[in-house]
């Protein structure tokens, strides 16, 4: 019964989510949570994500270094070095581990 109540409360508190765009990220740098970015990932350029938002190693391995999410050929050339340069809080070892976990090799 408690589980059902929790589910009902969760359903009633769902809010409408508006898909983010590259313009949103540029106008509001470092403003969005990883969850918000992930919900809009198909609508965002990985280069803009890398340059304007704070990301973690897991997000970078899963999306930034994965050619599937590249919106143009130029984005397929993003490598681990680019991630480490733009996201200086990420260390190389954490990024390497995340890349292995997500089977992406930047």
N, C-alpha and C. Protein backbone atom coordinates (compact mmCIF):
# COMPACT_ATOMS: atom_id res chain seq x y z
N UNK A 1 0.83 -1.20 0.00
CA UNK A 1 0.00 0.00 0.00
C UNK A 1 0.87 1.26 0.00
N UNK A 2 1.95 1.23 0.79
CA UNK A 2 2.85 2.38 0.84
C UNK A 2 3.48 2.63 -0.52
N UNK A 3 3.86 1.55 -1.22
CA UNK A 3 4.47 1.67 -2.54
C UNK A 3 3.49 2.32 -3.52
N UNK A 4 2.23 1.93 -3.48
CA UNK A 4 1.22 2.51 -4.35
C UNK A 4 1.04 4.00 -4.05
N UNK A 5 1.03 4.36 -2.77
CA UNK A 5 0.88 5.76 -2.39
C UNK A 5 2.05 6.59 -2.93
N UNK A 6 3.26 6.06 -2.79
CA UNK A 6 4.45 6.75 -3.29
C UNK A 6 4.37 6.93 -4.80
N UNK A 7 3.92 5.90 -5.52
CA UNK A 7 3.78 5.98 -6.97
C UNK A 7 2.78 7.05 -7.37
N UNK A 8 1.66 7.09 -6.69
CA UNK A 8 0.63 8.08 -6.98
C UNK A 8 1.15 9.49 -6.70
N UNK A 9 1.86 9.68 -5.59
CA UNK A 9 2.43 10.99 -5.28
C UNK A 9 3.43 11.41 -6.35
N UNK A 10 4.24 10.46 -6.81
CA UNK A 10 5.23 10.75 -7.85
C UNK A 10 4.54 11.18 -9.14
N UNK A 11 3.51 10.47 -9.52
CA UNK A 11 2.78 10.78 -10.76
C UNK A 11 2.15 12.17 -10.68
N UNK A 12 1.61 12.52 -9.54
CA UNK A 12 0.93 13.81 -9.43
C UNK A 12 1.91 14.98 -9.36
N UNK A 13 3.18 14.74 -9.06
CA UNK A 13 4.14 15.83 -8.96
C UNK A 13 4.99 15.99 -10.22
N UNK A 14 4.71 15.23 -11.27
CA UNK A 14 5.45 15.34 -12.51
C UNK A 14 5.16 16.70 -13.15
N UNK A 15 6.22 17.37 -13.58
CA UNK A 15 6.04 18.67 -14.22
C UNK A 15 6.33 18.53 -15.71
N UNK A 16 5.86 19.48 -16.46
CA UNK A 16 6.11 19.50 -17.89
C UNK A 16 7.55 19.91 -18.13
N UNK A 17 8.23 19.19 -19.00
CA UNK A 17 9.62 19.49 -19.30
C UNK A 17 9.72 20.02 -20.72
N UNK A 18 10.39 21.14 -20.88
CA UNK A 18 10.60 21.73 -22.20
C UNK A 18 11.99 21.33 -22.66
N UNK A 19 12.06 20.81 -23.88
CA UNK A 19 13.34 20.39 -24.43
C UNK A 19 14.30 21.57 -24.51
N UNK A 20 15.51 21.37 -24.02
CA UNK A 20 16.54 22.40 -24.10
C UNK A 20 17.11 22.45 -25.51
N UNK A 21 17.63 23.61 -25.88
CA UNK A 21 18.29 23.77 -27.17
C UNK A 21 19.72 24.27 -26.93
N UNK A 22 20.52 24.27 -27.98
CA UNK A 22 21.87 24.80 -27.87
C UNK A 22 21.85 26.27 -27.42
N UNK A 23 20.88 27.02 -27.89
CA UNK A 23 20.76 28.43 -27.51
C UNK A 23 20.55 28.56 -26.00
N UNK A 24 19.73 27.67 -25.41
CA UNK A 24 19.52 27.69 -23.96
C UNK A 24 20.84 27.49 -23.22
N UNK A 25 21.65 26.55 -23.70
CA UNK A 25 22.92 26.24 -23.04
C UNK A 25 23.89 27.41 -23.16
N UNK A 26 23.90 28.06 -24.30
CA UNK A 26 24.80 29.20 -24.51
C UNK A 26 24.35 30.40 -23.66
N UNK A 27 23.06 30.64 -23.61
CA UNK A 27 22.54 31.77 -22.84
C UNK A 27 22.63 31.55 -21.33
N UNK A 28 22.64 30.30 -20.92
CA UNK A 28 22.64 29.95 -19.49
C UNK A 28 23.77 28.96 -19.19
N UNK A 29 25.01 29.39 -19.33
CA UNK A 29 26.12 28.46 -19.12
C UNK A 29 26.14 27.91 -17.70
N UNK A 30 26.48 26.63 -17.61
CA UNK A 30 26.62 25.94 -16.32
C UNK A 30 25.35 25.99 -15.47
N UNK A 31 24.19 25.95 -16.13
CA UNK A 31 22.92 26.13 -15.42
C UNK A 31 22.08 24.88 -15.29
N UNK A 32 22.35 23.86 -16.05
CA UNK A 32 21.44 22.72 -16.11
C UNK A 32 22.04 21.48 -15.46
N UNK A 33 21.16 20.70 -14.85
CA UNK A 33 21.60 19.45 -14.22
C UNK A 33 21.88 18.41 -15.31
N UNK A 34 22.64 17.40 -14.95
CA UNK A 34 22.92 16.32 -15.91
C UNK A 34 21.63 15.64 -16.33
N UNK A 35 20.68 15.53 -15.42
CA UNK A 35 19.39 14.92 -15.75
C UNK A 35 18.65 15.74 -16.81
N UNK A 36 18.63 17.06 -16.64
CA UNK A 36 17.97 17.93 -17.63
C UNK A 36 18.66 17.82 -18.99
N UNK A 37 19.98 17.78 -18.97
CA UNK A 37 20.73 17.67 -20.22
C UNK A 37 20.45 16.32 -20.90
N UNK A 38 20.39 15.27 -20.09
CA UNK A 38 20.15 13.94 -20.64
C UNK A 38 18.76 13.84 -21.27
N UNK A 39 17.78 14.48 -20.66
CA UNK A 39 16.42 14.46 -21.22
C UNK A 39 16.34 15.15 -22.58
N UNK A 40 17.24 16.10 -22.82
CA UNK A 40 17.25 16.84 -24.09
C UNK A 40 18.39 16.44 -25.01
N UNK A 41 19.08 15.36 -24.72
CA UNK A 41 20.32 15.01 -25.42
C UNK A 41 20.15 14.94 -26.93
N UNK A 42 19.02 14.47 -27.41
CA UNK A 42 18.81 14.35 -28.85
C UNK A 42 18.59 15.71 -29.53
N UNK A 43 18.46 16.75 -28.73
CA UNK A 43 18.18 18.08 -29.23
C UNK A 43 19.40 19.01 -29.07
N UNK A 44 20.52 18.47 -28.58
CA UNK A 44 21.69 19.30 -28.24
C UNK A 44 22.93 18.87 -29.01
N UNK A 45 23.77 19.82 -29.33
CA UNK A 45 25.06 19.52 -29.94
C UNK A 45 26.08 19.19 -28.86
N UNK A 46 26.86 18.14 -29.08
CA UNK A 46 27.82 17.74 -28.05
C UNK A 46 28.91 18.78 -27.84
N UNK A 47 29.28 19.50 -28.89
CA UNK A 47 30.30 20.55 -28.75
C UNK A 47 29.79 21.68 -27.84
N UNK A 48 28.53 22.03 -27.98
CA UNK A 48 27.94 23.06 -27.13
C UNK A 48 27.85 22.56 -25.69
N UNK A 49 27.45 21.32 -25.52
CA UNK A 49 27.42 20.73 -24.18
C UNK A 49 28.79 20.80 -23.52
N UNK A 50 29.79 20.37 -24.24
CA UNK A 50 31.16 20.33 -23.72
C UNK A 50 31.66 21.73 -23.35
N UNK A 51 31.32 22.71 -24.14
CA UNK A 51 31.83 24.07 -23.93
C UNK A 51 31.05 24.89 -22.91
N UNK A 52 29.76 24.61 -22.71
CA UNK A 52 28.93 25.50 -21.91
C UNK A 52 28.33 24.90 -20.64
N UNK A 53 28.51 23.61 -20.42
CA UNK A 53 27.92 23.01 -19.23
C UNK A 53 28.97 22.25 -18.42
N UNK A 54 28.67 22.05 -17.16
CA UNK A 54 29.55 21.25 -16.30
C UNK A 54 29.07 19.81 -16.40
N UNK A 55 29.96 18.94 -16.85
CA UNK A 55 29.63 17.54 -17.08
C UNK A 55 30.51 16.65 -16.20
N UNK A 56 30.11 15.42 -16.01
CA UNK A 56 30.98 14.49 -15.30
C UNK A 56 31.55 13.47 -16.29
N UNK A 57 32.48 12.66 -15.82
CA UNK A 57 33.16 11.71 -16.69
C UNK A 57 32.19 10.73 -17.33
N UNK A 58 31.23 10.28 -16.56
CA UNK A 58 30.25 9.32 -17.07
C UNK A 58 29.43 9.91 -18.21
N UNK A 59 28.94 11.14 -18.03
CA UNK A 59 28.16 11.81 -19.07
C UNK A 59 29.00 12.00 -20.33
N UNK A 60 30.25 12.40 -20.15
CA UNK A 60 31.13 12.63 -21.30
C UNK A 60 31.38 11.34 -22.08
N UNK A 61 31.62 10.26 -21.36
CA UNK A 61 31.85 8.97 -22.03
C UNK A 61 30.59 8.50 -22.75
N UNK A 62 29.46 8.67 -22.11
CA UNK A 62 28.19 8.17 -22.66
C UNK A 62 27.70 8.99 -23.86
N UNK A 63 27.91 10.32 -23.83
CA UNK A 63 27.34 11.18 -24.86
C UNK A 63 28.37 11.96 -25.68
N UNK A 64 29.31 12.62 -25.03
CA UNK A 64 30.25 13.49 -25.75
C UNK A 64 31.19 12.69 -26.63
N UNK A 65 31.68 11.58 -26.14
CA UNK A 65 32.65 10.77 -26.88
C UNK A 65 32.01 9.66 -27.71
N UNK A 66 30.70 9.63 -27.74
CA UNK A 66 29.95 8.62 -28.49
C UNK A 66 29.50 9.25 -29.81
N UNK A 67 30.05 8.79 -30.90
CA UNK A 67 29.75 9.37 -32.22
C UNK A 67 28.27 9.33 -32.58
N UNK A 68 27.52 8.45 -31.95
CA UNK A 68 26.08 8.36 -32.22
C UNK A 68 25.38 9.69 -31.93
N UNK A 69 25.88 10.45 -30.95
CA UNK A 69 25.24 11.70 -30.55
C UNK A 69 25.82 12.92 -31.27
N UNK A 70 26.81 12.72 -32.11
CA UNK A 70 27.39 13.84 -32.87
C UNK A 70 26.36 14.36 -33.87
N UNK A 71 26.22 15.69 -33.93
CA UNK A 71 25.25 16.27 -34.86
C UNK A 71 25.91 16.70 -36.17
N UNK A 72 27.24 16.60 -36.24
CA UNK A 72 27.95 16.92 -37.47
C UNK A 72 29.29 16.17 -37.45
N UNK A 73 29.95 16.12 -38.57
CA UNK A 73 31.21 15.38 -38.66
C UNK A 73 32.26 15.93 -37.70
N UNK A 74 32.30 17.24 -37.56
CA UNK A 74 33.28 17.88 -36.67
C UNK A 74 33.20 17.32 -35.24
N UNK A 75 31.99 17.04 -34.78
CA UNK A 75 31.81 16.53 -33.41
C UNK A 75 32.33 15.11 -33.24
N UNK A 76 32.50 14.39 -34.33
CA UNK A 76 33.06 13.04 -34.22
C UNK A 76 34.55 13.06 -33.91
N UNK A 77 35.18 14.22 -34.06
CA UNK A 77 36.61 14.34 -33.78
C UNK A 77 36.92 14.71 -32.33
N UNK A 78 35.90 14.92 -31.51
CA UNK A 78 36.13 15.24 -30.10
C UNK A 78 36.76 14.02 -29.43
N UNK A 79 37.83 14.25 -28.68
CA UNK A 79 38.55 13.15 -28.05
C UNK A 79 38.70 13.40 -26.55
N UNK A 80 39.30 12.43 -25.87
CA UNK A 80 39.50 12.54 -24.43
C UNK A 80 40.23 13.82 -24.06
N UNK A 81 41.23 14.19 -24.84
CA UNK A 81 41.99 15.41 -24.56
C UNK A 81 41.12 16.65 -24.59
N UNK A 82 40.17 16.70 -25.52
CA UNK A 82 39.24 17.83 -25.59
C UNK A 82 38.38 17.89 -24.33
N UNK A 83 37.90 16.73 -23.91
CA UNK A 83 37.06 16.66 -22.70
C UNK A 83 37.87 17.13 -21.49
N UNK A 84 39.09 16.63 -21.35
CA UNK A 84 39.91 16.99 -20.19
C UNK A 84 40.29 18.48 -20.21
N UNK A 85 40.43 19.05 -21.39
CA UNK A 85 40.74 20.48 -21.52
C UNK A 85 39.55 21.35 -21.14
N UNK A 86 38.35 20.99 -21.61
CA UNK A 86 37.15 21.80 -21.38
C UNK A 86 36.48 21.53 -20.04
N UNK A 87 36.66 20.33 -19.51
CA UNK A 87 36.06 19.94 -18.23
C UNK A 87 37.21 19.62 -17.27
N UNK A 88 37.88 20.63 -16.81
CA UNK A 88 39.12 20.45 -16.05
C UNK A 88 38.95 19.78 -14.69
N UNK A 89 37.73 19.68 -14.21
CA UNK A 89 37.46 18.99 -12.94
C UNK A 89 37.46 17.46 -13.12
N UNK A 90 37.44 16.99 -14.36
CA UNK A 90 37.47 15.54 -14.64
C UNK A 90 38.93 15.12 -14.76
N UNK A 91 39.28 14.00 -14.10
CA UNK A 91 40.65 13.52 -14.26
C UNK A 91 40.69 12.39 -15.29
N UNK A 92 41.85 12.18 -15.85
CA UNK A 92 42.03 11.24 -16.96
C UNK A 92 41.64 9.82 -16.57
N UNK A 93 41.96 9.42 -15.36
CA UNK A 93 41.65 8.05 -14.93
C UNK A 93 40.14 7.81 -14.85
N UNK A 94 39.40 8.78 -14.29
CA UNK A 94 37.94 8.65 -14.22
C UNK A 94 37.32 8.61 -15.61
N UNK A 95 37.84 9.42 -16.52
CA UNK A 95 37.32 9.44 -17.88
C UNK A 95 37.62 8.11 -18.58
N UNK A 96 38.81 7.60 -18.38
CA UNK A 96 39.18 6.31 -18.97
C UNK A 96 38.26 5.19 -18.47
N UNK A 97 38.01 5.17 -17.18
CA UNK A 97 37.12 4.16 -16.59
C UNK A 97 35.71 4.29 -17.15
N UNK A 98 35.21 5.51 -17.25
CA UNK A 98 33.87 5.74 -17.78
C UNK A 98 33.79 5.31 -19.25
N UNK A 99 34.83 5.59 -20.01
CA UNK A 99 34.86 5.17 -21.43
C UNK A 99 34.82 3.65 -21.56
N UNK A 100 35.54 2.97 -20.70
CA UNK A 100 35.53 1.50 -20.72
C UNK A 100 34.13 1.00 -20.36
N UNK A 101 33.51 1.59 -19.35
CA UNK A 101 32.17 1.17 -18.91
C UNK A 101 31.13 1.39 -20.01
N UNK A 102 31.28 2.45 -20.79
CA UNK A 102 30.30 2.77 -21.83
C UNK A 102 30.76 2.31 -23.23
N UNK A 103 31.89 1.66 -23.26
CA UNK A 103 32.44 1.15 -24.53
C UNK A 103 32.60 2.25 -25.58
N UNK A 104 33.06 3.40 -25.11
CA UNK A 104 33.40 4.51 -26.01
C UNK A 104 34.88 4.78 -25.85
N UNK A 105 35.55 5.02 -26.93
CA UNK A 105 36.98 5.20 -26.86
C UNK A 105 37.34 6.48 -27.59
N UNK A 106 37.48 7.57 -26.82
CA UNK A 106 37.79 8.88 -27.40
C UNK A 106 39.24 9.01 -27.54
